PDB file of N, CA and C in Angstrom:
ATOM      1  N   MET A   1       0.809  -1.129   0.051  1.00  0.00           N
ATOM      2  CA  MET A   1       0.125  -0.057   0.003  1.00  0.00           C
ATOM      3  C   MET A   1       0.969   1.332   0.028  1.00  0.00           C
ATOM      4  N   GLU A   2       0.673   2.298  -0.760  1.00  0.00           N
ATOM      5  CA  GLU A   2       1.387   3.367  -0.890  1.00  0.00           C
ATOM      6  C   GLU A   2       0.901   4.380  -0.068  1.00  0.00           C
ATOM      7  N   ILE A   3       1.738   4.996   0.779  1.00  0.00           N
ATOM      8  CA  ILE A   3       1.250   6.021   1.852  1.00  0.00           C
ATOM      9  C   ILE A   3       1.201   7.363   0.944  1.00  0.00           C
ATOM     10  N   LYS A   4      -0.051   7.636   1.085  1.00  0.00           N
ATOM     11  CA  LYS A   4      -0.398   8.988   0.447  1.00  0.00           C
ATOM     12  C   LYS A   4      -0.567  10.187   1.338  1.00  0.00           C
ATOM     13  N   ASP A   5      -1.061   9.938   2.662  1.00  0.00           N
ATOM     14  CA  ASP A   5      -1.176  11.145   3.428  1.00  0.00           C
ATOM     15  C   ASP A   5      -0.354  10.765   4.708  1.00  0.00           C
ATOM     16  N   GLU A   6      -0.260  11.958   5.576  1.00  0.00           N
ATOM     17  CA  GLU A   6       0.585  11.783   6.795  1.00  0.00           C
ATOM     18  C   GLU A   6       0.037  10.646   7.679  1.00  0.00           C
ATOM     19  N   LEU A   7      -1.383  10.395   7.608  1.00  0.00           N
ATOM     20  CA  LEU A   7      -1.936   9.518   8.487  1.00  0.00           C
ATOM     21  C   LEU A   7      -2.688   8.575   7.478  1.00  0.00           C
ATOM     22  N   GLU A   8      -2.285   7.482   7.589  1.00  0.00           N
ATOM     23  CA  GLU A   8      -3.002   6.159   6.836  1.00  0.00           C
ATOM     24  C   GLU A   8      -3.676   5.163   7.742  1.00  0.00           C
ATOM     25  N   ILE A   9      -5.063   5.047   7.496  1.00  0.00           N
ATOM     26  CA  ILE A   9      -5.561   3.806   8.295  1.00  0.00           C
ATOM     27  C   ILE A   9      -6.118   2.706   7.538  1.00  0.00           C
ATOM     28  N   VAL A  10      -6.006   1.647   8.137  1.00  0.00           N
ATOM     29  CA  VAL A  10      -6.482   0.547   7.584  1.00  0.00           C
ATOM     30  C   VAL A  10      -7.784   0.146   8.276  1.00  0.00           C
ATOM     31  N   LYS A  11      -8.863   0.178   7.749  1.00  0.00           N
ATOM     32  CA  LYS A  11      -9.962   0.141   8.579  1.00  0.00           C
ATOM     33  C   LYS A  11     -10.214  -1.431   9.094  1.00  0.00           C
ATOM     34  N   LYS A  12     -11.238  -1.696  10.119  1.00  0.00           N
ATOM     35  CA  LYS A  12     -11.068  -3.253  10.508  1.00  0.00           C
ATOM     36  C   LYS A  12     -11.745  -4.126   9.249  1.00  0.00           C
ATOM     37  N   ASP A  13     -12.763  -3.653   8.636  1.00  0.00           N
ATOM     38  CA  ASP A  13     -13.192  -4.307   7.429  1.00  0.00           C
ATOM     39  C   ASP A  13     -12.266  -4.690   6.599  1.00  0.00           C
ATOM     40  N   GLU A  14     -11.231  -3.698   6.277  1.00  0.00           N
ATOM     41  CA  GLU A  14     -10.273  -3.787   5.112  1.00  0.00           C
ATOM     42  C   GLU A  14      -9.145  -4.733   5.810  1.00  0.00           C
ATOM     43  N   MET A  15      -9.044  -4.877   7.097  1.00  0.00           N
ATOM     44  CA  MET A  15      -8.023  -5.601   7.616  1.00  0.00           C
ATOM     45  C   MET A  15      -8.459  -7.116   7.567  1.00  0.00           C
ATOM     46  N   ASP A  16      -9.753  -7.314   7.779  1.00  0.00           N
ATOM     47  CA  ASP A  16     -10.448  -8.616   7.676  1.00  0.00           C
ATOM     48  C   ASP A  16     -10.141  -9.200   6.297  1.00  0.00           C
ATOM     49  N   GLU A  17     -10.271  -8.370   5.342  1.00  0.00           N
ATOM     50  CA  GLU A  17     -10.201  -8.761   4.107  1.00  0.00           C
ATOM     51  C   GLU A  17      -8.630  -9.021   3.654  1.00  0.00           C
ATOM     52  N   LYS A  18      -7.837  -8.184   3.965  1.00  0.00           N
ATOM     53  CA  LYS A  18      -6.715  -8.277   3.844  1.00  0.00           C
ATOM     54  C   LYS A  18      -5.855  -9.618   4.384  1.00  0.00           C
ATOM     55  N   PHE A  19      -6.392  -9.912   5.790  1.00  0.00           N
ATOM     56  CA  PHE A  19      -6.020 -11.249   6.306  1.00  0.00           C
ATOM     57  C   PHE A  19      -6.371 -12.293   5.342  1.00  0.00           C
ATOM     58  N   GLN A  20      -7.354 -12.327   4.548  1.00  0.00           N
ATOM     59  CA  GLN A  20      -7.775 -13.203   3.843  1.00  0.00           C
ATOM     60  C   GLN A  20      -6.686 -13.498   2.804  1.00  0.00           C
ATOM     61  N   ASP A  21      -6.208 -12.388   2.202  1.00  0.00           N
ATOM     62  CA  ASP A  21      -5.371 -12.311   1.234  1.00  0.00           C
ATOM     63  C   ASP A  21      -3.953 -12.758   1.559  1.00  0.00           C
ATOM     64  N   ALA A  22      -3.869 -12.693   2.978  1.00  0.00           N
ATOM     65  CA  ALA A  22      -2.493 -13.009   3.726  1.00  0.00           C
ATOM     66  C   ALA A  22      -2.498 -14.477   4.189  1.00  0.00           C
ATOM     67  N   LEU A  23      -3.426 -15.249   3.501  1.00  0.00           N
ATOM     68  CA  LEU A  23      -3.640 -16.615   3.957  1.00  0.00           C
ATOM     69  C   LEU A  23      -2.296 -17.518   3.606  1.00  0.00           C
ATOM     70  N   ASN A  24      -1.603 -17.848   4.665  1.00  0.00           N
ATOM     71  CA  ASN A  24      -0.259 -18.532   4.399  1.00  0.00           C
ATOM     72  C   ASN A  24       0.788 -18.074   3.509  1.00  0.00           C
ATOM     73  N   GLU A  25       0.686 -16.692   3.534  1.00  0.00           N
ATOM     74  CA  GLU A  25       1.567 -15.797   2.725  1.00  0.00           C
ATOM     75  C   GLU A  25       1.755 -14.455   3.229  1.00  0.00           C
ATOM     76  N   ALA A  26       2.739 -14.150   3.587  1.00  0.00           N
ATOM     77  CA  ALA A  26       3.332 -12.738   4.084  1.00  0.00           C
ATOM     78  C   ALA A  26       2.784 -11.618   3.123  1.00  0.00           C
ATOM     79  N   LEU A  27       1.788 -10.596   3.648  1.00  0.00           N
ATOM     80  CA  LEU A  27       1.377  -9.609   2.761  1.00  0.00           C
ATOM     81  C   LEU A  27       1.963  -8.405   3.215  1.00  0.00           C
ATOM     82  N   THR A  28       2.621  -7.515   2.495  1.00  0.00           N
ATOM     83  CA  THR A  28       2.994  -6.095   2.802  1.00  0.00           C
ATOM     84  C   THR A  28       1.951  -5.236   3.035  1.00  0.00           C
ATOM     85  N   LEU A  29       1.749  -4.540   4.090  1.00  0.00           N
ATOM     86  CA  LEU A  29       0.481  -3.481   4.076  1.00  0.00           C
ATOM     87  C   LEU A  29       1.230  -2.024   3.779  1.00  0.00           C
ATOM     88  N   PHE A  30       2.346  -1.879   4.184  1.00  0.00           N
ATOM     89  CA  PHE A  30       3.136  -0.339   4.183  1.00  0.00           C
ATOM     90  C   PHE A  30       4.695  -0.631   3.895  1.00  0.00           C
ATOM     91  N   GLU A  31       5.086  -0.012   2.939  1.00  0.00           N
ATOM     92  CA  GLU A  31       6.571   0.105   3.028  1.00  0.00           C
ATOM     93  C   GLU A  31       6.847   1.516   2.731  1.00  0.00           C
ATOM     94  N   ILE A  32       7.962   2.036   3.678  1.00  0.00           N
ATOM     95  CA  ILE A  32       8.364   3.383   3.480  1.00  0.00           C
ATOM     96  C   ILE A  32       9.969   3.012   3.223  1.00  0.00           C
ATOM     97  N   GLU A  33      10.254   3.357   2.040  1.00  0.00           N
ATOM     98  CA  GLU A  33      11.537   3.324   1.385  1.00  0.00           C
ATOM     99  C   GLU A  33      12.755   3.338   2.247  1.00  0.00           C
ATOM    100  N   GLU A  34      13.529   2.409   2.435  1.00  0.00           N
ATOM    101  CA  GLU A  34      14.847   2.380   3.163  1.00  0.00           C
ATOM    102  C   GLU A  34      14.650   2.448   4.747  1.00  0.00           C
ATOM    103  N   ILE A  35      13.445   2.508   5.210  1.00  0.00           N
ATOM    104  CA  ILE A  35      12.899   2.794   6.587  1.00  0.00           C
ATOM    105  C   ILE A  35      12.372   1.357   7.374  1.00  0.00           C
ATOM    106  N   ILE A  36      11.152   1.194   6.614  1.00  0.00           N
ATOM    107  CA  ILE A  36      10.499  -0.023   7.151  1.00  0.00           C
ATOM    108  C   ILE A  36       9.229  -0.571   6.415  1.00  0.00           C
ATOM    109  N   GLN A  37       9.076  -1.758   6.656  1.00  0.00           N
ATOM    110  CA  GLN A  37       8.095  -2.791   5.941  1.00  0.00           C
ATOM    111  C   GLN A  37       7.057  -3.207   6.930  1.00  0.00           C
ATOM    112  N   VAL A  38       5.724  -3.286   6.784  1.00  0.00           N
ATOM    113  CA  VAL A  38       5.003  -3.484   7.763  1.00  0.00           C
ATOM    114  C   VAL A  38       3.935  -4.614   7.019  1.00  0.00           C
ATOM    115  N   GLY A  39       3.856  -5.748   7.838  1.00  0.00           N
ATOM    116  CA  GLY A  39       2.746  -6.640   6.926  1.00  0.00           C
ATOM    117  C   GLY A  39       2.093  -7.468   8.059  1.00  0.00           C
ATOM    118  N   ILE A  40       1.466  -8.404   7.284  1.00  0.00           N
ATOM    119  CA  ILE A  40       0.381  -9.346   8.269  1.00  0.00           C
ATOM    120  C   ILE A  40       0.798 -10.830   7.593  1.00  0.00           C
ATOM    121  N   LEU A  41       0.189 -11.688   8.312  1.00  0.00           N
ATOM    122  CA  LEU A  41       0.119 -13.208   7.844  1.00  0.00           C
ATOM    123  C   LEU A  41      -0.960 -13.822   8.657  1.00  0.00           C
ATOM    124  N   LYS A  42      -1.635 -14.677   7.850  1.00  0.00           N
ATOM    125  CA  LYS A  42      -2.592 -15.518   8.533  1.00  0.00           C
ATOM    126  C   LYS A  42      -2.043 -17.023   8.194  1.00  0.00           C
ATOM    127  N   LEU A  43      -1.749 -17.664   9.316  1.00  0.00           N
ATOM    128  CA  LEU A  43      -1.304 -18.957   8.956  1.00  0.00           C
ATOM    129  C   LEU A  43      -2.259 -20.094   9.552  1.00  0.00           C
ATOM    130  N   GLU A  44      -2.779 -20.940   8.586  1.00  0.00           N
ATOM    131  CA  GLU A  44      -3.841 -21.823   8.679  1.00  0.00           C
ATOM    132  C   GLU A  44      -3.157 -23.088   9.770  1.00  0.00           C
ATOM    133  N   ASP A  45      -4.149 -23.579  10.455  1.00  0.00           N
ATOM    134  CA  ASP A  45      -3.929 -24.559  11.397  1.00  0.00           C
ATOM    135  C   ASP A  45      -3.187 -25.729  10.583  1.00  0.00           C
ATOM    136  N   LYS A  46      -1.984 -26.365  11.470  1.00  0.00           N
ATOM    137  CA  LYS A  46      -1.036 -27.249  10.948  1.00  0.00           C
ATOM    138  C   LYS A  46      -0.192 -26.856   9.530  1.00  0.00           C
ATOM    139  N   THR A  47       0.193 -25.619   9.390  1.00  0.00           N
ATOM    140  CA  THR A  47       0.988 -25.075   8.142  1.00  0.00           C
ATOM    141  C   THR A  47       2.200 -24.522   8.468  1.00  0.00           C
ATOM    142  N   ARG A  48       3.213 -24.666   7.832  1.00  0.00           N
ATOM    143  CA  ARG A  48       4.512 -24.050   8.187  1.00  0.00           C
ATOM    144  C   ARG A  48       4.944 -23.281   6.828  1.00  0.00           C
ATOM    145  N   LEU A  49       5.493 -21.994   7.136  1.00  0.00           N
ATOM    146  CA  LEU A  49       6.005 -21.148   5.984  1.00  0.00           C
ATOM    147  C   LEU A  49       7.326 -20.820   6.297  1.00  0.00           C
ATOM    148  N   PRO A  50       8.293 -21.107   5.146  1.00  0.00           N
ATOM    149  CA  PRO A  50       8.010 -21.506   4.087  1.00  0.00           C
ATOM    150  C   PRO A  50       7.700 -23.239   4.315  1.00  0.00           C
ATOM    151  N   SER A  51       7.116 -23.868   3.275  1.00  0.00           N
ATOM    152  CA  SER A  51       6.654 -25.193   3.658  1.00  0.00           C
ATOM    153  C   SER A  51       7.972 -25.975   3.868  1.00  0.00           C
ATOM    154  N   LYS A  52       9.138 -25.753   3.165  1.00  0.00           N
ATOM    155  CA  LYS A  52      10.490 -26.331   3.315  1.00  0.00           C
ATOM    156  C   LYS A  52      11.443 -25.347   3.254  1.00  0.00           C
ATOM    157  N   GLY A  53      12.569 -25.535   4.048  1.00  0.00           N
ATOM    158  CA  GLY A  53      13.612 -24.792   4.256  1.00  0.00           C
ATOM    159  C   GLY A  53      13.360 -23.549   5.121  1.00  0.00           C
ATOM    160  N   MET A  54      14.048 -22.516   4.834  1.00  0.00           N
ATOM    161  CA  MET A  54      14.147 -21.551   5.865  1.00  0.00           C
ATOM    162  C   MET A  54      13.860 -19.929   5.024  1.00  0.00           C
ATOM    163  N   SER A  55      13.452 -19.199   5.780  1.00  0.00           N
ATOM    164  CA  SER A  55      13.585 -17.658   5.200  1.00  0.00           C
ATOM    165  C   SER A  55      14.592 -16.926   5.708  1.00  0.00           C
ATOM    166  N   GLU A  56      15.160 -15.906   5.224  1.00  0.00           N
ATOM    167  CA  GLU A  56      16.166 -15.214   5.755  1.00  0.00           C
ATOM    168  C   GLU A  56      16.171 -13.700   5.393  1.00  0.00           C
ATOM    169  N   HIS A  57      16.202 -12.728   6.296  1.00  0.00           N
ATOM    170  CA  HIS A  57      16.147 -11.325   5.871  1.00  0.00           C
ATOM    171  C   HIS A  57      17.453 -10.869   6.285  1.00  0.00           C
ATOM    172  N   GLU A  58      18.314 -11.040   5.242  1.00  0.00           N
ATOM    173  CA  GLU A  58      19.854 -10.761   5.639  1.00  0.00           C
ATOM    174  C   GLU A  58      20.108  -9.514   6.320  1.00  0.00           C
ATOM    175  N   ASN A  59      19.546  -8.289   5.983  1.00  0.00           N
ATOM    176  CA  ASN A  59      19.807  -7.074   6.577  1.00  0.00           C
ATOM    177  C   ASN A  59      18.873  -6.449   7.233  1.00  0.00           C
ATOM    178  N   SER A  60      17.790  -7.183   7.394  1.00  0.00           N
ATOM    179  CA  SER A  60      16.691  -6.494   8.297  1.00  0.00           C
ATOM    180  C   SER A  60      16.337  -6.958   9.666  1.00  0.00           C
ATOM    181  N   GLN A  61      16.235  -6.192  10.621  1.00  0.00           N
ATOM    182  CA  GLN A  61      15.742  -6.493  11.914  1.00  0.00           C
ATOM    183  C   GLN A  61      13.888  -6.652  11.606  1.00  0.00           C
ATOM    184  N   GLU A  62      13.560  -7.803  12.292  1.00  0.00           N
ATOM    185  CA  GLU A  62      12.315  -8.149  12.295  1.00  0.00           C
ATOM    186  C   GLU A  62      11.835  -8.439  13.840  1.00  0.00           C
ATOM    187  N   PHE A  63      10.410  -7.936  13.628  1.00  0.00           N
ATOM    188  CA  PHE A  63       9.655  -8.039  14.790  1.00  0.00           C
ATOM    189  C   PHE A  63       8.320  -8.575  14.444  1.00  0.00           C
ATOM    190  N   SER A  64       7.812  -9.501  15.143  1.00  0.00           N
ATOM    191  CA  SER A  64       6.489 -10.220  14.862  1.00  0.00           C
ATOM    192  C   SER A  64       5.564 -10.084  16.099  1.00  0.00           C
ATOM    193  N   TYR A  65       4.336  -9.529  16.045  1.00  0.00           N
ATOM    194  CA  TYR A  65       3.422  -9.651  17.173  1.00  0.00           C
ATOM    195  C   TYR A  65       2.270 -10.390  16.728  1.00  0.00           C
ATOM    196  N   VAL A  66       2.090 -11.503  17.709  1.00  0.00           N
ATOM    197  CA  VAL A  66       1.009 -12.622  17.571  1.00  0.00           C
ATOM    198  C   VAL A  66      -0.285 -11.895  18.040  1.00  0.00           C
ATOM    199  N   ILE A  67      -1.383 -11.456  17.058  1.00  0.00           N
ATOM    200  CA  ILE A  67      -2.536 -10.860  17.181  1.00  0.00           C
ATOM    201  C   ILE A  67      -3.525 -11.857  17.699  1.00  0.00           C
ATOM    202  N   GLU A  68      -3.377 -13.197  16.968  1.00  0.00           N
ATOM    203  CA  GLU A  68      -4.413 -14.080  17.307  1.00  0.00           C
ATOM    204  C   GLU A  68      -3.604 -15.617  17.324  1.00  0.00           C
ATOM    205  N   GLY A  69      -4.184 -16.463  18.223  1.00  0.00           N
ATOM    206  CA  GLY A  69      -3.313 -17.666  18.177  1.00  0.00           C
ATOM    207  C   GLY A  69      -2.233 -17.953  18.646  1.00  0.00           C
ATOM    208  N   GLU A  70      -1.133 -18.951  17.952  1.00  0.00           N
ATOM    209  CA  GLU A  70       0.094 -18.935  18.432  1.00  0.00           C
ATOM    210  C   GLU A  70       0.791 -19.573  17.408  1.00  0.00           C
ATOM    211  N   VAL A  71       2.008 -19.216  17.378  1.00  0.00           N
ATOM    212  CA  VAL A  71       3.043 -19.825  16.418  1.00  0.00           C
ATOM    213  C   VAL A  71       4.318 -20.303  16.902  1.00  0.00           C
ATOM    214  N   ILE A  72       4.854 -21.114  16.269  1.00  0.00           N
ATOM    215  CA  ILE A  72       6.312 -21.621  16.493  1.00  0.00           C
ATOM    216  C   ILE A  72       7.297 -21.097  15.491  1.00  0.00           C
ATOM    217  N   ILE A  73       8.165 -20.424  16.007  1.00  0.00           N
ATOM    218  CA  ILE A  73       9.273 -19.628  15.221  1.00  0.00           C
ATOM    219  C   ILE A  73      10.651 -20.711  15.289  1.00  0.00           C
ATOM    220  N   GLY A  74      10.990 -21.400  14.222  1.00  0.00           N
ATOM    221  CA  GLY A  74      12.076 -22.247  14.156  1.00  0.00           C
ATOM    222  C   GLY A  74      13.400 -21.628  13.529  1.00  0.00           C
ATOM    223  N   THR A  75      14.571 -21.856  14.352  1.00  0.00           N
ATOM    224  CA  THR A  75      15.760 -21.309  13.584  1.00  0.00           C
ATOM    225  C   THR A  75      16.704 -22.600  13.634  1.00  0.00           C
ATOM    226  N   GLU A  76      17.959 -22.339  13.299  1.00  0.00           N
ATOM    227  CA  GLU A  76      18.804 -23.435  13.193  1.00  0.00           C
ATOM    228  C   GLU A  76      19.440 -23.865  14.637  1.00  0.00           C
ATOM    229  N   SER A  77      18.944 -23.040  15.606  1.00  0.00           N
ATOM    230  CA  SER A  77      19.391 -23.352  17.037  1.00  0.00           C
ATOM    231  C   SER A  77      18.171 -23.901  17.796  1.00  0.00           C
ATOM    232  N   GLY A  78      16.828 -23.967  17.212  1.00  0.00           N
ATOM    233  CA  GLY A  78      15.858 -24.473  17.923  1.00  0.00           C
ATOM    234  C   GLY A  78      14.480 -23.663  17.821  1.00  0.00           C
ATOM    235  N   GLU A  79      13.567 -23.996  18.549  1.00  0.00           N
ATOM    236  CA  GLU A  79      12.209 -23.298  18.288  1.00  0.00           C
ATOM    237  C   GLU A  79      11.765 -22.599  19.506  1.00  0.00           C
ATOM    238  N   LYS A  80      10.842 -21.542  19.220  1.00  0.00           N
ATOM    239  CA  LYS A  80      10.393 -20.592  20.208  1.00  0.00           C
ATOM    240  C   LYS A  80       8.870 -20.603  20.166  1.00  0.00           C
ATOM    241  N   ARG A  81       8.028 -20.777  21.038  1.00  0.00           N
ATOM    242  CA  ARG A  81       6.545 -20.651  20.923  1.00  0.00           C
ATOM    243  C   ARG A  81       6.180 -19.276  21.171  1.00  0.00           C
ATOM    244  N   VAL A  82       5.469 -18.713  20.313  1.00  0.00           N
ATOM    245  CA  VAL A  82       5.018 -17.273  20.522  1.00  0.00           C
ATOM    246  C   VAL A  82       3.525 -17.163  20.642  1.00  0.00           C
ATOM    247  N   LYS A  83       2.905 -16.882  21.562  1.00  0.00           N
ATOM    248  CA  LYS A  83       1.503 -16.735  21.985  1.00  0.00           C
ATOM    249  C   LYS A  83       1.033 -15.467  21.517  1.00  0.00           C
ATOM    250  N   GLN A  84      -0.437 -15.434  21.515  1.00  0.00           N
ATOM    251  CA  GLN A  84      -1.121 -14.296  21.474  1.00  0.00           C
ATOM    252  C   GLN A  84      -0.767 -13.039  22.356  1.00  0.00           C
ATOM    253  N   GLY A  85      -0.478 -12.001  21.751  1.00  0.00           N
ATOM    254  CA  GLY A  85      -0.118 -10.790  22.717  1.00  0.00           C
ATOM    255  C   GLY A  85       1.439 -10.859  22.938  1.00  0.00           C
ATOM    256  N   GLU A  86       2.096 -11.726  22.375  1.00  0.00           N
ATOM    257  CA  GLU A  86       3.657 -11.649  22.532  1.00  0.00           C
ATOM    258  C   GLU A  86       4.286 -11.143  21.214  1.00  0.00           C
ATOM    259  N   LEU A  87       5.655 -10.566  21.583  1.00  0.00           N
ATOM    260  CA  LEU A  87       6.217  -9.984  20.509  1.00  0.00           C
ATOM    261  C   LEU A  87       7.777 -10.601  20.333  1.00  0.00           C
ATOM    262  N   LEU A  88       8.026 -11.055  19.270  1.00  0.00           N
ATOM    263  CA  LEU A  88       9.436 -11.610  18.991  1.00  0.00           C
ATOM    264  C   LEU A  88      10.146 -10.675  18.283  1.00  0.00           C
ATOM    265  N   TYR A  89      11.604 -10.880  18.502  1.00  0.00           N
ATOM    266  CA  TYR A  89      12.523 -10.110  17.711  1.00  0.00           C
ATOM    267  C   TYR A  89      13.363 -11.120  17.015  1.00  0.00           C
ATOM    268  N   ASN A  90      13.809 -10.987  15.811  1.00  0.00           N
ATOM    269  CA  ASN A  90      14.462 -11.875  14.928  1.00  0.00           C
ATOM    270  C   ASN A  90      15.830 -11.059  14.528  1.00  0.00           C
ATOM    271  N   GLU A  91      17.104 -11.229  14.841  1.00  0.00           N
ATOM    272  CA  GLU A  91      18.210 -10.647  14.243  1.00  0.00           C
ATOM    273  C   GLU A  91      18.208 -10.576  12.858  1.00  0.00           C
ATOM    274  N   PRO A  92      18.898  -9.832  12.122  1.00  0.00           N
ATOM    275  CA  PRO A  92      19.272  -9.795  10.847  1.00  0.00           C
ATOM    276  C   PRO A  92      20.117 -11.195  10.399  1.00  0.00           C
ATOM    277  N   GLY A  93      19.518 -11.785   9.354  1.00  0.00           N
ATOM    278  CA  GLY A  93      20.325 -12.927   8.788  1.00  0.00           C
ATOM    279  C   GLY A  93      20.006 -13.998   9.393  1.00  0.00           C
ATOM    280  N   THR A  94      19.051 -14.130  10.434  1.00  0.00           N
ATOM    281  CA  THR A  94      18.812 -15.445  11.179  1.00  0.00           C
ATOM    282  C   THR A  94      17.793 -16.208  10.174  1.00  0.00           C
ATOM    283  N   ARG A  95      18.293 -17.443   9.850  1.00  0.00           N
ATOM    284  CA  ARG A  95      17.366 -18.240   9.130  1.00  0.00           C
ATOM    285  C   ARG A  95      16.214 -18.810  10.075  1.00  0.00           C
ATOM    286  N   HIS A  96      14.955 -18.755   9.453  1.00  0.00           N
ATOM    287  CA  HIS A  96      13.885 -19.206  10.347  1.00  0.00           C
ATOM    288  C   HIS A  96      12.633 -19.492   9.442  1.00  0.00           C
ATOM    289  N   TYR A  97      11.661 -20.274  10.086  1.00  0.00           N
ATOM    290  CA  TYR A  97      10.483 -20.622   9.549  1.00  0.00           C
ATOM    291  C   TYR A  97       9.350 -20.393  10.650  1.00  0.00           C
ATOM    292  N   THR A  98       8.092 -20.206  10.220  1.00  0.00           N
ATOM    293  CA  THR A  98       7.051 -19.950  11.119  1.00  0.00           C
ATOM    294  C   THR A  98       5.992 -21.232  10.823  1.00  0.00           C
ATOM    295  N   ARG A  99       5.497 -21.605  11.950  1.00  0.00           N
ATOM    296  CA  ARG A  99       4.728 -22.944  11.887  1.00  0.00           C
ATOM    297  C   ARG A  99       3.438 -22.793  12.966  1.00  0.00           C
ATOM    298  N   ASN A 100       2.344 -23.196  12.351  1.00  0.00           N
ATOM    299  CA  ASN A 100       1.212 -23.263  13.361  1.00  0.00           C
ATOM    300  C   ASN A 100       0.829 -24.733  13.629  1.00  0.00           C
ATOM    301  N   ASP A 101       0.932 -25.109  14.791  1.00  0.00           N
ATOM    302  CA  ASP A 101       0.661 -26.442  15.187  1.00  0.00           C
ATOM    303  C   ASP A 101      -0.785 -26.558  15.630  1.00  0.00           C
ATOM    304  N   LYS A 102      -1.311 -25.480  16.047  1.00  0.00           N
ATOM    305  CA  LYS A 102      -2.716 -25.609  16.478  1.00  0.00           C
ATOM    306  C   LYS A 102      -3.862 -25.861  15.547  1.00  0.00           C
ATOM    307  N   SER A 103      -4.999 -26.038  16.167  1.00  0.00           N
ATOM    308  CA  SER A 103      -6.023 -26.484  15.403  1.00  0.00           C
ATOM    309  C   SER A 103      -7.035 -25.240  14.734  1.00  0.00           C
ATOM    310  N   LYS A 104      -6.523 -24.084  15.004  1.00  0.00           N
ATOM    311  CA  LYS A 104      -6.998 -22.869  14.459  1.00  0.00           C
ATOM    312  C   LYS A 104      -5.965 -21.990  13.852  1.00  0.00           C
ATOM    313  N   PRO A 105      -6.491 -21.021  13.058  1.00  0.00           N
ATOM    314  CA  PRO A 105      -5.396 -20.031  12.432  1.00  0.00           C
ATOM    315  C   PRO A 105      -4.903 -19.180  13.360  1.00  0.00           C
ATOM    316  N   ALA A 106      -3.762 -18.674  13.037  1.00  0.00           N
ATOM    317  CA  ALA A 106      -3.045 -17.370  13.821  1.00  0.00           C
ATOM    318  C   ALA A 106      -2.671 -16.230  12.873  1.00  0.00           C
ATOM    319  N   LYS A 107      -2.912 -15.317  13.542  1.00  0.00           N
ATOM    320  CA  LYS A 107      -2.595 -13.947  12.935  1.00  0.00           C
ATOM    321  C   LYS A 107      -1.456 -13.205  13.391  1.00  0.00           C
ATOM    322  N   VAL A 108      -0.712 -12.741  12.569  1.00  0.00           N
ATOM    323  CA  VAL A 108       0.694 -12.086  12.889  1.00  0.00           C
ATOM    324  C   VAL A 108       0.849 -10.682  12.127  1.00  0.00           C
ATOM    325  N   LEU A 109       1.279  -9.838  12.871  1.00  0.00           N
ATOM    326  CA  LEU A 109       1.673  -8.501  12.348  1.00  0.00           C
ATOM    327  C   LEU A 109       3.102  -8.368  12.366  1.00  0.00           C
ATOM    328  N   TRP A 110       3.924  -8.103  11.286  1.00  0.00           N
ATOM    329  CA  TRP A 110       5.323  -8.222  11.459  1.00  0.00           C
ATOM    330  C   TRP A 110       5.900  -6.841  10.724  1.00  0.00           C
ATOM    331  N   PHE A 111       7.058  -6.684  11.164  1.00  0.00           N
ATOM    332  CA  PHE A 111       7.721  -5.338  10.724  1.00  0.00           C
ATOM    333  C   PHE A 111       9.424  -5.705  10.432  1.00  0.00           C
ATOM    334  N   LEU A 112       9.773  -5.259   9.394  1.00  0.00           N
ATOM    335  CA  LEU A 112      11.088  -5.427   8.682  1.00  0.00           C
ATOM    336  C   LEU A 112      11.725  -4.060   8.597  1.00  0.00           C
ATOM    337  N   SER A 113      12.732  -3.875   9.327  1.00  0.00           N
ATOM    338  CA  SER A 113      13.439  -2.432   8.860  1.00  0.00           C
ATOM    339  C   SER A 113      14.785  -2.916   9.034  1.00  0.00           C
ATOM    340  N   PRO A 114      15.736  -2.144   7.796  1.00  0.00           N
ATOM    341  CA  PRO A 114      14.975  -1.675   6.680  1.00  0.00           C
ATOM    342  C   PRO A 114      14.144  -2.936   5.855  1.00  0.00           C
ATOM    343  N   PRO A 115      13.441  -2.378   4.936  1.00  0.00           N
ATOM    344  CA  PRO A 115      12.609  -3.361   4.210  1.00  0.00           C
ATOM    345  C   PRO A 115      13.402  -4.154   3.429  1.00  0.00           C
ATOM    346  N   MET A 116      13.092  -5.390   2.942  1.00  0.00           N
ATOM    347  CA  MET A 116      13.690  -6.511   2.281  1.00  0.00           C
ATOM    348  C   MET A 116      13.858  -5.756   0.668  1.00  0.00           C
TER     349      MET A 116
END
């Protein structure tokens, strides 16, 4: 989404639609060149992203806030469970995946700085 005004709001009904678009796929909501990228992810139950291998944001600080449900973040050194209401920090270059082992979807709000 291109930022047009100094205050941009994504309304609740728009967010509900966007979470459908973000089903098992990271979706960027905002990106400010060379500063930050903000997005969402809705991960279905019993799903892993990426399905095989790892993701890596070589030069980006990553923060993920679990809005609903819980996810497991796996790295080469192990796994961490992140529950609703918790915030995760992931260092640049950390290879990782996100997995939902629960029987209901999880919703995640994520931030990358600088953007990928």
